[in-house]
Amino acid sequence: MSRRTRALAFLGLALVTAAVAAGIADSYGSRVASGYGPLRPVVVAAKSLEPEDVLGPADISSGLEVRRVPLRFVPTGALRDPREALGLTPTTGLEPGSYLVASQLQARRSRNESTGALGSSRRPVEIAVSGAEALLATGAAAAGAKVDVVVTTEPSGSGPGRTYVAVAGAPLLALGPGADGPGPGGSAAATLALTKRQALRLIAAESFARKLTLLPEG
């Protein structure tokens, strides 16, 4: 047998072996999918996470990762996108490889909110707002930070809508996912320390405004 013939024979054997291996892998994948369901993306911790650790942009990019696991093993409420955890804190310690589940995450609460020490004239009020991602990304959403609440109204038949500052310098107590759930593009639930007059103004604005936006004070 010539050297060329042997080379061709080895090449043919390698191709056959690769085809057999691919067939076995496909068969295994099909059995896994039929027995445990299709693969789904889930977010897991890439490092240890402690309670009260606020998950910022750096944690989202390096402290969390996405894995694909069979549907049967995906816990209820598991996050699919690391950005869903932006600005939230774990309620318990998480080891590397742990799933991130919505029920294990919460908005960070300030000491004032937890003790009720808001002063005699202010009370915690929760409103639905936009613009939370910018605050979280810049670190301006820390509990106790001062924020302005900007109201944007809907256009009317008599003219365009308008934008104005409804409340200036309100202490931010907590910021978390809104009614449509966590994630980019969704609304957020902001808890502010407001006077009665400020609270009534914003509650009224929620009923007619197109959106309420949080901006860092100043």
N, C-alpha and C. Protein backbone atom coordinates (compact mmCIF):
# COMPACT_ATOMS: atom_id res chain seq x y z
N MET A 1 0.86 -1.19 0.00
CA MET A 1 0.00 0.00 0.00
C MET A 1 0.90 1.24 0.00
N SER A 2 0.65 2.16 -0.95
CA SER A 2 1.48 3.35 -1.05
C SER A 2 1.17 4.32 0.08
N ARG A 3 2.06 5.29 0.27
CA ARG A 3 1.87 6.30 1.33
C ARG A 3 0.61 7.11 1.07
N ARG A 4 0.34 7.44 -0.18
CA ARG A 4 -0.85 8.22 -0.52
C ARG A 4 -2.11 7.43 -0.21
N THR A 5 -2.08 6.14 -0.53
CA THR A 5 -3.25 5.30 -0.25
C THR A 5 -3.52 5.23 1.24
N ARG A 6 -2.43 5.06 2.03
CA ARG A 6 -2.60 5.00 3.49
C ARG A 6 -3.15 6.31 4.03
N ALA A 7 -2.68 7.44 3.48
CA ALA A 7 -3.16 8.75 3.94
C ALA A 7 -4.65 8.90 3.66
N LEU A 8 -5.06 8.47 2.45
CA LEU A 8 -6.47 8.56 2.10
C LEU A 8 -7.30 7.65 2.99
N ALA A 9 -6.76 6.49 3.31
CA ALA A 9 -7.50 5.56 4.17
C ALA A 9 -7.67 6.14 5.57
N PHE A 10 -6.61 6.74 6.11
CA PHE A 10 -6.70 7.37 7.44
C PHE A 10 -7.69 8.53 7.42
N LEU A 11 -7.68 9.32 6.33
CA LEU A 11 -8.61 10.44 6.22
C LEU A 11 -10.05 9.94 6.19
N GLY A 12 -10.28 8.89 5.41
CA GLY A 12 -11.63 8.34 5.36
C GLY A 12 -12.08 7.81 6.71
N LEU A 13 -11.16 7.13 7.43
CA LEU A 13 -11.50 6.61 8.75
C LEU A 13 -11.82 7.74 9.72
N ALA A 14 -11.06 8.86 9.62
CA ALA A 14 -11.31 10.00 10.51
C ALA A 14 -12.67 10.61 10.23
N LEU A 15 -13.04 10.71 8.95
CA LEU A 15 -14.34 11.26 8.60
C LEU A 15 -15.47 10.37 9.12
N VAL A 16 -15.30 9.07 8.97
CA VAL A 16 -16.32 8.14 9.46
C VAL A 16 -16.45 8.25 10.97
N THR A 17 -15.30 8.33 11.66
CA THR A 17 -15.32 8.44 13.13
C THR A 17 -16.01 9.72 13.56
N ALA A 18 -15.73 10.84 12.86
CA ALA A 18 -16.37 12.12 13.20
C ALA A 18 -17.87 12.03 12.98
N ALA A 19 -18.30 11.40 11.90
CA ALA A 19 -19.72 11.28 11.61
C ALA A 19 -20.42 10.44 12.67
N VAL A 20 -19.76 9.35 13.09
CA VAL A 20 -20.34 8.50 14.14
C VAL A 20 -20.46 9.27 15.45
N ALA A 21 -19.41 10.03 15.80
CA ALA A 21 -19.43 10.81 17.03
C ALA A 21 -20.54 11.85 17.00
N ALA A 22 -20.70 12.50 15.84
CA ALA A 22 -21.76 13.50 15.71
C ALA A 22 -23.13 12.86 15.85
N GLY A 23 -23.28 11.67 15.28
CA GLY A 23 -24.55 10.97 15.41
C GLY A 23 -24.87 10.60 16.84
N ILE A 24 -23.83 10.16 17.56
CA ILE A 24 -24.02 9.82 18.97
C ILE A 24 -24.39 11.05 19.78
N ALA A 25 -23.72 12.19 19.51
CA ALA A 25 -24.01 13.43 20.22
C ALA A 25 -25.43 13.89 19.94
N ASP A 26 -25.84 13.83 18.66
CA ASP A 26 -27.21 14.23 18.32
C ASP A 26 -28.22 13.34 19.00
N SER A 27 -27.94 12.05 19.03
CA SER A 27 -28.86 11.11 19.66
C SER A 27 -28.97 11.39 21.15
N TYR A 28 -27.80 11.67 21.77
CA TYR A 28 -27.80 11.98 23.21
C TYR A 28 -28.58 13.26 23.49
N GLY A 29 -28.34 14.29 22.63
CA GLY A 29 -29.04 15.54 22.82
C GLY A 29 -30.54 15.37 22.67
N SER A 30 -30.95 14.54 21.71
CA SER A 30 -32.38 14.31 21.51
C SER A 30 -32.99 13.60 22.71
N ARG A 31 -32.24 12.63 23.29
CA ARG A 31 -32.75 11.91 24.46
C ARG A 31 -32.87 12.85 25.66
N VAL A 32 -31.86 13.75 25.80
CA VAL A 32 -31.92 14.70 26.91
C VAL A 32 -33.11 15.64 26.75
N ALA A 33 -33.32 16.14 25.52
CA ALA A 33 -34.42 17.07 25.27
C ALA A 33 -35.77 16.40 25.50
N SER A 34 -35.90 15.13 25.07
CA SER A 34 -37.17 14.44 25.25
C SER A 34 -37.41 14.07 26.70
N GLY A 35 -36.34 13.81 27.47
CA GLY A 35 -36.51 13.41 28.86
C GLY A 35 -36.57 14.56 29.84
N TYR A 36 -35.82 15.65 29.55
CA TYR A 36 -35.73 16.76 30.50
C TYR A 36 -36.20 18.09 29.93
N GLY A 37 -36.63 18.11 28.69
CA GLY A 37 -37.12 19.35 28.09
C GLY A 37 -36.01 20.09 27.35
N PRO A 38 -36.37 21.08 26.56
CA PRO A 38 -35.38 21.84 25.80
C PRO A 38 -34.51 22.68 26.72
N LEU A 39 -33.36 23.10 26.19
CA LEU A 39 -32.43 23.91 26.97
C LEU A 39 -32.95 25.35 27.08
N ARG A 40 -32.75 25.94 28.25
CA ARG A 40 -33.17 27.31 28.51
C ARG A 40 -32.02 28.08 29.15
N PRO A 41 -31.86 29.38 28.81
CA PRO A 41 -30.79 30.17 29.46
C PRO A 41 -31.18 30.53 30.89
N VAL A 42 -30.24 30.42 31.80
CA VAL A 42 -30.45 30.83 33.19
C VAL A 42 -29.20 31.59 33.65
N VAL A 43 -29.41 32.50 34.58
CA VAL A 43 -28.31 33.28 35.13
C VAL A 43 -27.81 32.60 36.40
N VAL A 44 -26.50 32.42 36.50
CA VAL A 44 -25.90 31.83 37.69
C VAL A 44 -24.79 32.76 38.20
N ALA A 45 -24.48 32.64 39.47
CA ALA A 45 -23.41 33.43 40.07
C ALA A 45 -22.06 32.89 39.63
N ALA A 46 -21.20 33.76 39.15
CA ALA A 46 -19.85 33.37 38.78
C ALA A 46 -18.88 33.56 39.94
N LYS A 47 -19.34 34.20 41.01
CA LYS A 47 -18.53 34.40 42.21
C LYS A 47 -19.47 34.42 43.41
N SER A 48 -18.93 34.40 44.59
CA SER A 48 -19.75 34.45 45.80
C SER A 48 -20.42 35.81 45.91
N LEU A 49 -21.72 35.81 46.23
CA LEU A 49 -22.48 37.04 46.42
C LEU A 49 -23.02 37.05 47.84
N GLU A 50 -22.87 38.17 48.51
CA GLU A 50 -23.30 38.29 49.89
C GLU A 50 -24.56 39.14 49.99
N PRO A 51 -25.36 38.93 51.03
CA PRO A 51 -26.53 39.79 51.24
C PRO A 51 -26.12 41.26 51.32
N GLU A 52 -26.95 42.12 50.78
CA GLU A 52 -26.72 43.56 50.76
C GLU A 52 -25.67 43.99 49.74
N ASP A 53 -25.09 43.03 48.97
CA ASP A 53 -24.23 43.42 47.86
C ASP A 53 -25.12 43.97 46.74
N VAL A 54 -24.95 45.24 46.40
CA VAL A 54 -25.73 45.82 45.32
C VAL A 54 -25.08 45.41 43.99
N LEU A 55 -25.84 44.77 43.12
CA LEU A 55 -25.31 44.28 41.85
C LEU A 55 -25.27 45.42 40.85
N GLY A 56 -24.08 45.93 40.64
CA GLY A 56 -23.88 47.03 39.70
C GLY A 56 -23.41 46.54 38.35
N PRO A 57 -23.10 47.46 37.42
CA PRO A 57 -22.66 47.06 36.08
C PRO A 57 -21.46 46.13 36.07
N ALA A 58 -20.48 46.34 36.99
CA ALA A 58 -19.31 45.46 37.02
C ALA A 58 -19.70 44.05 37.41
N ASP A 59 -20.62 43.91 38.37
CA ASP A 59 -21.08 42.57 38.77
C ASP A 59 -21.84 41.90 37.64
N ILE A 60 -22.63 42.68 36.91
CA ILE A 60 -23.42 42.11 35.81
C ILE A 60 -22.50 41.54 34.74
N SER A 61 -21.37 42.23 34.48
CA SER A 61 -20.48 41.79 33.39
C SER A 61 -19.53 40.68 33.80
N SER A 62 -19.11 40.66 35.09
CA SER A 62 -18.11 39.67 35.49
C SER A 62 -18.56 38.74 36.61
N GLY A 63 -19.56 39.15 37.39
CA GLY A 63 -19.98 38.33 38.53
C GLY A 63 -21.11 37.38 38.22
N LEU A 64 -21.74 37.53 37.05
CA LEU A 64 -22.84 36.67 36.65
C LEU A 64 -22.56 36.10 35.28
N GLU A 65 -23.12 34.93 35.00
CA GLU A 65 -22.96 34.34 33.67
C GLU A 65 -24.23 33.59 33.31
N VAL A 66 -24.39 33.34 32.02
CA VAL A 66 -25.58 32.64 31.51
C VAL A 66 -25.19 31.23 31.10
N ARG A 67 -25.97 30.26 31.57
CA ARG A 67 -25.79 28.86 31.17
C ARG A 67 -27.10 28.34 30.59
N ARG A 68 -26.99 27.31 29.78
CA ARG A 68 -28.17 26.67 29.19
C ARG A 68 -28.36 25.31 29.86
N VAL A 69 -29.51 25.13 30.47
CA VAL A 69 -29.80 23.88 31.19
C VAL A 69 -31.16 23.36 30.75
N PRO A 70 -31.40 22.06 30.90
CA PRO A 70 -32.71 21.51 30.54
C PRO A 70 -33.83 22.17 31.34
N LEU A 71 -34.98 22.33 30.69
CA LEU A 71 -36.10 23.03 31.29
C LEU A 71 -36.51 22.45 32.64
N ARG A 72 -36.41 21.12 32.79
CA ARG A 72 -36.83 20.48 34.03
C ARG A 72 -36.03 20.98 35.22
N PHE A 73 -34.78 21.39 35.01
CA PHE A 73 -33.92 21.80 36.11
C PHE A 73 -33.93 23.31 36.34
N VAL A 74 -34.71 24.06 35.56
CA VAL A 74 -34.76 25.51 35.73
C VAL A 74 -35.71 25.85 36.87
N PRO A 75 -35.23 26.47 37.94
CA PRO A 75 -36.13 26.80 39.06
C PRO A 75 -37.12 27.91 38.68
N THR A 76 -38.26 27.91 39.33
CA THR A 76 -39.27 28.93 39.08
C THR A 76 -38.70 30.31 39.42
N GLY A 77 -38.88 31.24 38.51
CA GLY A 77 -38.41 32.60 38.75
C GLY A 77 -36.95 32.83 38.42
N ALA A 78 -36.27 31.85 37.81
CA ALA A 78 -34.86 32.03 37.47
C ALA A 78 -34.69 33.14 36.43
N LEU A 79 -33.71 34.00 36.63
CA LEU A 79 -33.44 35.08 35.69
C LEU A 79 -32.83 34.52 34.41
N ARG A 80 -33.15 35.13 33.28
CA ARG A 80 -32.59 34.71 31.99
C ARG A 80 -31.53 35.68 31.48
N ASP A 81 -31.55 36.91 31.97
CA ASP A 81 -30.63 37.94 31.50
C ASP A 81 -29.98 38.58 32.72
N PRO A 82 -28.63 38.65 32.77
CA PRO A 82 -27.99 39.25 33.94
C PRO A 82 -28.45 40.67 34.22
N ARG A 83 -28.87 41.40 33.18
CA ARG A 83 -29.29 42.79 33.39
C ARG A 83 -30.56 42.89 34.24
N GLU A 84 -31.29 41.78 34.38
CA GLU A 84 -32.47 41.80 35.23
C GLU A 84 -32.11 42.00 36.70
N ALA A 85 -30.85 41.73 37.07
CA ALA A 85 -30.43 41.84 38.47
C ALA A 85 -29.80 43.19 38.77
N LEU A 86 -29.71 44.08 37.79
CA LEU A 86 -29.05 45.36 37.98
C LEU A 86 -29.71 46.17 39.08
N GLY A 87 -28.92 46.57 40.07
CA GLY A 87 -29.41 47.39 41.16
C GLY A 87 -30.05 46.63 42.30
N LEU A 88 -30.17 45.31 42.21
CA LEU A 88 -30.81 44.52 43.25
C LEU A 88 -29.75 43.91 44.17
N THR A 89 -30.18 43.37 45.31
CA THR A 89 -29.27 42.74 46.26
C THR A 89 -29.79 41.34 46.61
N PRO A 90 -28.89 40.37 46.83
CA PRO A 90 -29.34 39.03 47.25
C PRO A 90 -29.91 39.08 48.67
N THR A 91 -30.94 38.29 48.90
CA THR A 91 -31.50 38.20 50.25
C THR A 91 -30.73 37.20 51.10
N THR A 92 -29.91 36.38 50.45
CA THR A 92 -29.10 35.39 51.17
C THR A 92 -27.80 35.21 50.41
N GLY A 93 -26.79 34.62 51.07
CA GLY A 93 -25.52 34.40 50.40
C GLY A 93 -25.65 33.38 49.27
N LEU A 94 -24.99 33.65 48.15
CA LEU A 94 -25.04 32.76 46.98
C LEU A 94 -23.62 32.31 46.63
N GLU A 95 -23.44 31.01 46.48
CA GLU A 95 -22.14 30.46 46.11
C GLU A 95 -21.99 30.45 44.58
N PRO A 96 -20.76 30.39 44.08
CA PRO A 96 -20.57 30.29 42.62
C PRO A 96 -21.32 29.10 42.05
N GLY A 97 -22.02 29.32 40.95
CA GLY A 97 -22.81 28.28 40.32
C GLY A 97 -24.27 28.28 40.75
N SER A 98 -24.63 29.10 41.76
CA SER A 98 -26.02 29.16 42.23
C SER A 98 -26.88 29.89 41.21
N TYR A 99 -28.11 29.41 41.03
CA TYR A 99 -29.06 30.11 40.18
C TYR A 99 -29.46 31.43 40.83
N LEU A 100 -29.71 32.46 40.01
CA LEU A 100 -30.28 33.70 40.51
C LEU A 100 -31.78 33.66 40.26
N VAL A 101 -32.53 33.64 41.35
CA VAL A 101 -33.98 33.54 41.30
C VAL A 101 -34.57 34.87 41.78
N ALA A 102 -35.65 35.30 41.13
CA ALA A 102 -36.24 36.61 41.45
C ALA A 102 -36.61 36.73 42.92
N SER A 103 -37.07 35.64 43.53
CA SER A 103 -37.48 35.69 44.93
C SER A 103 -36.30 35.87 45.88
N GLN A 104 -35.06 35.66 45.38
CA GLN A 104 -33.86 35.81 46.20
C GLN A 104 -33.21 37.17 46.03
N LEU A 105 -33.86 38.06 45.29
CA LEU A 105 -33.32 39.39 45.04
C LEU A 105 -34.32 40.44 45.49
N GLN A 106 -33.81 41.56 45.95
CA GLN A 106 -34.69 42.64 46.38
C GLN A 106 -33.98 43.97 46.19
N ALA A 107 -34.78 45.04 46.20
CA ALA A 107 -34.19 46.37 46.16
C ALA A 107 -33.56 46.66 47.50
N ARG A 108 -32.43 47.32 47.48
CA ARG A 108 -31.76 47.65 48.73
C ARG A 108 -32.56 48.71 49.48
N ARG A 109 -32.76 48.48 50.75
CA ARG A 109 -33.49 49.44 51.58
C ARG A 109 -32.52 50.24 52.44
N SER A 110 -32.81 51.49 52.57
CA SER A 110 -31.96 52.33 53.39
C SER A 110 -32.27 52.14 54.86
N ARG A 111 -31.36 52.57 55.69
CA ARG A 111 -31.58 52.47 57.13
C ARG A 111 -32.79 53.29 57.54
N ASN A 112 -32.98 54.45 56.89
CA ASN A 112 -34.15 55.28 57.24
C ASN A 112 -35.44 54.56 56.98
N GLU A 113 -35.51 53.84 55.84
CA GLU A 113 -36.76 53.16 55.50
C GLU A 113 -37.01 52.01 56.44
N SER A 114 -35.98 51.26 56.82
CA SER A 114 -36.18 50.09 57.65
C SER A 114 -36.55 50.46 59.08
N THR A 115 -36.11 51.62 59.55
CA THR A 115 -36.42 52.02 60.91
C THR A 115 -37.59 52.97 60.99
N GLY A 116 -38.01 53.49 59.85
CA GLY A 116 -39.11 54.43 59.86
C GLY A 116 -38.68 55.83 60.27
N ALA A 117 -37.37 56.08 60.34
CA ALA A 117 -36.88 57.39 60.78
C ALA A 117 -36.83 58.34 59.59
N LEU A 118 -38.00 58.78 59.11
CA LEU A 118 -38.09 59.66 57.96
C LEU A 118 -38.35 61.10 58.36
N GLY A 119 -38.49 61.33 59.63
CA GLY A 119 -38.88 62.67 60.06
C GLY A 119 -40.39 62.74 60.19
N SER A 120 -40.84 63.80 60.79
CA SER A 120 -42.27 63.93 61.09
C SER A 120 -43.11 64.29 59.88
N SER A 121 -42.48 64.84 58.82
CA SER A 121 -43.26 65.35 57.70
C SER A 121 -43.21 64.48 56.45
N ARG A 122 -42.39 63.43 56.45
CA ARG A 122 -42.24 62.61 55.25
C ARG A 122 -42.64 61.16 55.52
N ARG A 123 -43.16 60.53 54.48
CA ARG A 123 -43.56 59.13 54.54
C ARG A 123 -43.07 58.41 53.28
N PRO A 124 -42.79 57.11 53.35
CA PRO A 124 -42.37 56.37 52.15
C PRO A 124 -43.55 56.19 51.20
N VAL A 125 -43.35 56.55 49.94
CA VAL A 125 -44.38 56.42 48.91
C VAL A 125 -43.74 55.76 47.69
N GLU A 126 -44.39 54.73 47.15
CA GLU A 126 -43.88 54.03 45.98
C GLU A 126 -44.59 54.49 44.73
N ILE A 127 -43.82 54.80 43.68
CA ILE A 127 -44.38 55.23 42.40
C ILE A 127 -43.68 54.48 41.28
N ALA A 128 -44.35 54.35 40.15
CA ALA A 128 -43.76 53.72 38.96
C ALA A 128 -43.04 54.78 38.15
N VAL A 129 -41.78 54.53 37.82
CA VAL A 129 -40.96 55.54 37.14
C VAL A 129 -40.19 54.93 35.98
N SER A 130 -39.70 55.81 35.11
CA SER A 130 -38.79 55.44 34.04
C SER A 130 -37.41 56.02 34.37
N GLY A 131 -36.42 55.66 33.59
CA GLY A 131 -35.08 56.22 33.76
C GLY A 131 -34.26 55.57 34.85
N ALA A 132 -34.73 54.43 35.39
CA ALA A 132 -33.99 53.82 36.49
C ALA A 132 -32.66 53.24 36.03
N GLU A 133 -32.57 52.75 34.81
CA GLU A 133 -31.34 52.12 34.34
C GLU A 133 -30.18 53.12 34.34
N ALA A 134 -30.46 54.37 33.95
CA ALA A 134 -29.40 55.37 33.93
C ALA A 134 -28.91 55.65 35.35
N LEU A 135 -29.83 55.72 36.30
CA LEU A 135 -29.43 55.95 37.69
C LEU A 135 -28.58 54.80 38.21
N LEU A 136 -28.98 53.57 37.92
CA LEU A 136 -28.25 52.41 38.40
C LEU A 136 -26.87 52.32 37.77
N ALA A 137 -26.80 52.61 36.47
CA ALA A 137 -25.53 52.49 35.76
C ALA A 137 -24.52 53.52 36.24
N THR A 138 -24.98 54.69 36.67
CA THR A 138 -24.07 55.75 37.10
C THR A 138 -23.84 55.73 38.60
N GLY A 139 -24.50 54.82 39.31
CA GLY A 139 -24.33 54.74 40.75
C GLY A 139 -25.11 55.80 41.50
N ALA A 140 -26.04 56.50 40.81
CA ALA A 140 -26.80 57.58 41.45
C ALA A 140 -28.05 57.07 42.15
N ALA A 141 -28.25 55.74 42.19
CA ALA A 141 -29.46 55.19 42.78
C ALA A 141 -29.22 54.66 44.18
N ALA A 142 -28.13 55.07 44.82
CA ALA A 142 -27.87 54.61 46.18
C ALA A 142 -28.96 55.11 47.11
N ALA A 143 -29.33 54.26 48.07
CA ALA A 143 -30.36 54.65 49.03
C ALA A 143 -29.94 55.91 49.75
N GLY A 144 -30.86 56.87 49.84
CA GLY A 144 -30.58 58.14 50.48
C GLY A 144 -30.20 59.23 49.52
N ALA A 145 -29.95 58.88 48.24
CA ALA A 145 -29.61 59.89 47.24
C ALA A 145 -30.82 60.78 46.98
N LYS A 146 -30.56 62.01 46.58
CA LYS A 146 -31.63 62.95 46.26
C LYS A 146 -31.91 62.91 44.76
N VAL A 147 -33.19 62.84 44.40
CA VAL A 147 -33.58 62.75 43.00
C VAL A 147 -34.70 63.75 42.71
N ASP A 148 -34.79 64.15 41.45
CA ASP A 148 -35.90 64.95 40.96
C ASP A 148 -36.86 64.03 40.21
N VAL A 149 -38.15 64.27 40.36
CA VAL A 149 -39.16 63.50 39.63
C VAL A 149 -39.72 64.39 38.52
N VAL A 150 -39.49 63.97 37.27
CA VAL A 150 -39.91 64.75 36.11
C VAL A 150 -41.15 64.10 35.50
N VAL A 151 -42.18 64.88 35.28
CA VAL A 151 -43.44 64.40 34.72
C VAL A 151 -43.52 64.81 33.25
N THR A 152 -43.83 63.87 32.39
CA THR A 152 -44.07 64.14 30.97
C THR A 152 -45.51 63.79 30.65
N THR A 153 -46.28 64.77 30.20
CA THR A 153 -47.71 64.56 29.94
C THR A 153 -47.94 64.15 28.50
N GLU A 154 -49.12 63.61 28.24
CA GLU A 154 -49.51 63.21 26.89
C GLU A 154 -49.89 64.45 26.08
N PRO A 155 -49.62 64.44 24.76
CA PRO A 155 -50.11 65.55 23.92
C PRO A 155 -51.63 65.60 23.96
N SER A 156 -52.17 66.79 23.83
CA SER A 156 -53.62 66.97 23.81
C SER A 156 -54.03 67.63 22.51
N GLY A 157 -55.35 67.74 22.33
CA GLY A 157 -55.82 68.36 21.10
C GLY A 157 -55.44 69.81 20.98
N SER A 158 -55.17 70.45 22.10
CA SER A 158 -54.82 71.87 22.08
C SER A 158 -53.34 72.14 21.97
N GLY A 159 -52.53 71.07 22.00
CA GLY A 159 -51.10 71.30 21.88
C GLY A 159 -50.29 70.09 22.31
N PRO A 160 -48.96 70.21 22.23
CA PRO A 160 -48.10 69.09 22.61
C PRO A 160 -48.07 68.90 24.12
N GLY A 161 -47.59 67.75 24.54
CA GLY A 161 -47.42 67.52 25.97
C GLY A 161 -46.30 68.38 26.53
N ARG A 162 -46.19 68.41 27.83
CA ARG A 162 -45.14 69.20 28.44
C ARG A 162 -44.38 68.37 29.46
N THR A 163 -43.18 68.81 29.78
CA THR A 163 -42.33 68.14 30.74
C THR A 163 -41.93 69.13 31.82
N TYR A 164 -42.08 68.73 33.07
CA TYR A 164 -41.77 69.64 34.17
C TYR A 164 -41.34 68.84 35.39
N VAL A 165 -40.62 69.50 36.29
CA VAL A 165 -40.19 68.88 37.54
C VAL A 165 -41.33 68.99 38.55
N ALA A 166 -41.88 67.84 38.92
CA ALA A 166 -43.00 67.82 39.86
C ALA A 166 -42.52 67.84 41.30
N VAL A 167 -41.41 67.15 41.58
CA VAL A 167 -40.83 67.10 42.92
C VAL A 167 -39.32 67.20 42.77
N ALA A 168 -38.70 68.08 43.53
CA ALA A 168 -37.25 68.26 43.46
C ALA A 168 -36.60 67.81 44.77
N GLY A 169 -35.47 67.11 44.65
CA GLY A 169 -34.68 66.75 45.81
C GLY A 169 -35.33 65.79 46.77
N ALA A 170 -36.08 64.81 46.26
CA ALA A 170 -36.72 63.83 47.14
C ALA A 170 -35.72 62.73 47.50
N PRO A 171 -35.63 62.35 48.77
CA PRO A 171 -34.73 61.24 49.15
C PRO A 171 -35.22 59.92 48.56
N LEU A 172 -34.32 59.21 47.90
CA LEU A 172 -34.63 57.91 47.33
C LEU A 172 -34.37 56.83 48.38
N LEU A 173 -35.39 56.06 48.71
CA LEU A 173 -35.25 55.03 49.73
C LEU A 173 -34.95 53.66 49.14
N ALA A 174 -35.56 53.34 48.00
CA ALA A 174 -35.35 52.03 47.37
C ALA A 174 -35.73 52.12 45.92
N LEU A 175 -35.12 51.26 45.11
CA LEU A 175 -35.41 51.22 43.68
C LEU A 175 -35.36 49.77 43.23
N GLY A 176 -36.44 49.27 42.68
CA GLY A 176 -36.51 47.88 42.25
C GLY A 176 -37.35 47.73 41.01
N PRO A 177 -37.55 46.47 40.54
CA PRO A 177 -38.32 46.24 39.32
C PRO A 177 -39.78 46.63 39.52
N GLY A 178 -40.40 47.09 38.42
CA GLY A 178 -41.79 47.50 38.46
C GLY A 178 -42.75 46.36 38.24
N ALA A 179 -44.00 46.72 37.93
CA ALA A 179 -45.05 45.71 37.78
C ALA A 179 -44.81 44.80 36.60
N ASP A 180 -44.11 45.29 35.56
CA ASP A 180 -43.84 44.46 34.38
C ASP A 180 -42.57 43.64 34.54
N GLY A 181 -42.02 43.57 35.75
CA GLY A 181 -40.89 42.69 36.02
C GLY A 181 -39.56 43.38 35.80
N PRO A 182 -38.47 42.76 36.27
CA PRO A 182 -37.15 43.33 36.10
C PRO A 182 -36.68 43.23 34.66
N GLY A 183 -35.71 44.04 34.34
CA GLY A 183 -35.14 43.93 33.01
C GLY A 183 -35.06 45.26 32.32
N PRO A 184 -34.21 45.35 31.27
CA PRO A 184 -34.05 46.60 30.54
C PRO A 184 -35.32 47.00 29.83
N GLY A 185 -35.63 48.29 29.84
CA GLY A 185 -36.80 48.79 29.16
C GLY A 185 -38.06 48.79 29.99
N GLY A 186 -38.07 48.09 31.10
CA GLY A 186 -39.26 48.04 31.93
C GLY A 186 -39.31 49.20 32.90
N SER A 187 -40.47 49.40 33.50
CA SER A 187 -40.59 50.44 34.51
C SER A 187 -39.96 49.97 35.80
N ALA A 188 -39.75 50.89 36.71
CA ALA A 188 -39.17 50.57 38.01
C ALA A 188 -40.10 51.08 39.10
N ALA A 189 -39.99 50.48 40.27
CA ALA A 189 -40.76 50.92 41.43
C ALA A 189 -39.80 51.68 42.35
N ALA A 190 -40.02 52.97 42.46
CA ALA A 190 -39.17 53.81 43.29
C ALA A 190 -39.91 54.17 44.57
N THR A 191 -39.26 53.99 45.70
CA THR A 191 -39.81 54.40 46.99
C THR A 191 -39.11 55.68 47.42
N LEU A 192 -39.89 56.75 47.54
CA LEU A 192 -39.35 58.06 47.88
C LEU A 192 -39.89 58.52 49.22
N ALA A 193 -39.11 59.34 49.91
CA ALA A 193 -39.57 59.97 51.15
C ALA A 193 -40.21 61.29 50.77
N LEU A 194 -41.54 61.36 50.86
CA LEU A 194 -42.28 62.51 50.37
C LEU A 194 -43.13 63.14 51.46
N THR A 195 -43.34 64.43 51.31
CA THR A 195 -44.35 65.08 52.13
C THR A 195 -45.72 64.71 51.58
N LYS A 196 -46.75 65.01 52.34
CA LYS A 196 -48.11 64.67 51.90
C LYS A 196 -48.45 65.38 50.60
N ARG A 197 -48.09 66.64 50.50
CA ARG A 197 -48.39 67.40 49.28
C ARG A 197 -47.66 66.81 48.08
N GLN A 198 -46.36 66.47 48.25
CA GLN A 198 -45.62 65.87 47.15
C GLN A 198 -46.20 64.52 46.73
N ALA A 199 -46.59 63.72 47.72
CA ALA A 199 -47.18 62.42 47.41
C ALA A 199 -48.46 62.56 46.61
N LEU A 200 -49.33 63.48 47.00
CA LEU A 200 -50.59 63.68 46.28
C LEU A 200 -50.32 64.17 44.86
N ARG A 201 -49.31 65.02 44.70
CA ARG A 201 -48.99 65.55 43.37
C ARG A 201 -48.54 64.41 42.44
N LEU A 202 -47.67 63.52 42.95
CA LEU A 202 -47.16 62.43 42.09
C LEU A 202 -48.22 61.36 41.86
N ILE A 203 -49.02 61.06 42.85
CA ILE A 203 -50.09 60.07 42.67
C ILE A 203 -51.07 60.56 41.61
N ALA A 204 -51.38 61.86 41.63
CA ALA A 204 -52.26 62.42 40.59
C ALA A 204 -51.59 62.36 39.23
N ALA A 205 -50.26 62.64 39.18
CA ALA A 205 -49.56 62.62 37.90
C ALA A 205 -49.54 61.22 37.29
N GLU A 206 -49.48 60.18 38.13
CA GLU A 206 -49.47 58.81 37.61
C GLU A 206 -50.74 58.51 36.81
N SER A 207 -51.83 59.18 37.11
CA SER A 207 -53.11 58.89 36.46
C SER A 207 -53.24 59.55 35.09
N PHE A 208 -52.48 60.64 34.85
CA PHE A 208 -52.66 61.33 33.57
C PHE A 208 -51.37 61.47 32.77
N ALA A 209 -50.21 61.30 33.40
CA ALA A 209 -48.95 61.52 32.71
C ALA A 209 -48.56 60.34 31.83
N ARG A 210 -47.78 60.61 30.81
CA ARG A 210 -47.27 59.53 29.97
C ARG A 210 -46.19 58.76 30.71
N LYS A 211 -45.36 59.48 31.45
CA LYS A 211 -44.33 58.79 32.25
C LYS A 211 -43.81 59.73 33.32
N LEU A 212 -43.25 59.12 34.36
CA LEU A 212 -42.54 59.83 35.42
C LEU A 212 -41.09 59.34 35.37
N THR A 213 -40.16 60.27 35.35
CA THR A 213 -38.75 59.94 35.19
C THR A 213 -37.96 60.44 36.40
N LEU A 214 -37.03 59.62 36.87
CA LEU A 214 -36.14 60.03 37.95
C LEU A 214 -34.83 60.56 37.37
N LEU A 215 -34.38 61.70 37.92
CA LEU A 215 -33.09 62.26 37.54
C LEU A 215 -32.31 62.58 38.80
N PRO A 216 -30.99 62.41 38.78
CA PRO A 216 -30.20 62.82 39.94
C PRO A 216 -30.40 64.31 40.20
N GLU A 217 -30.48 64.69 41.46
CA GLU A 217 -30.69 66.09 41.79
C GLU A 217 -29.57 66.96 41.22
N GLY A 218 -29.95 68.07 40.70
CA GLY A 218 -28.97 69.01 40.16
C GLY A 218 -28.62 68.71 38.73
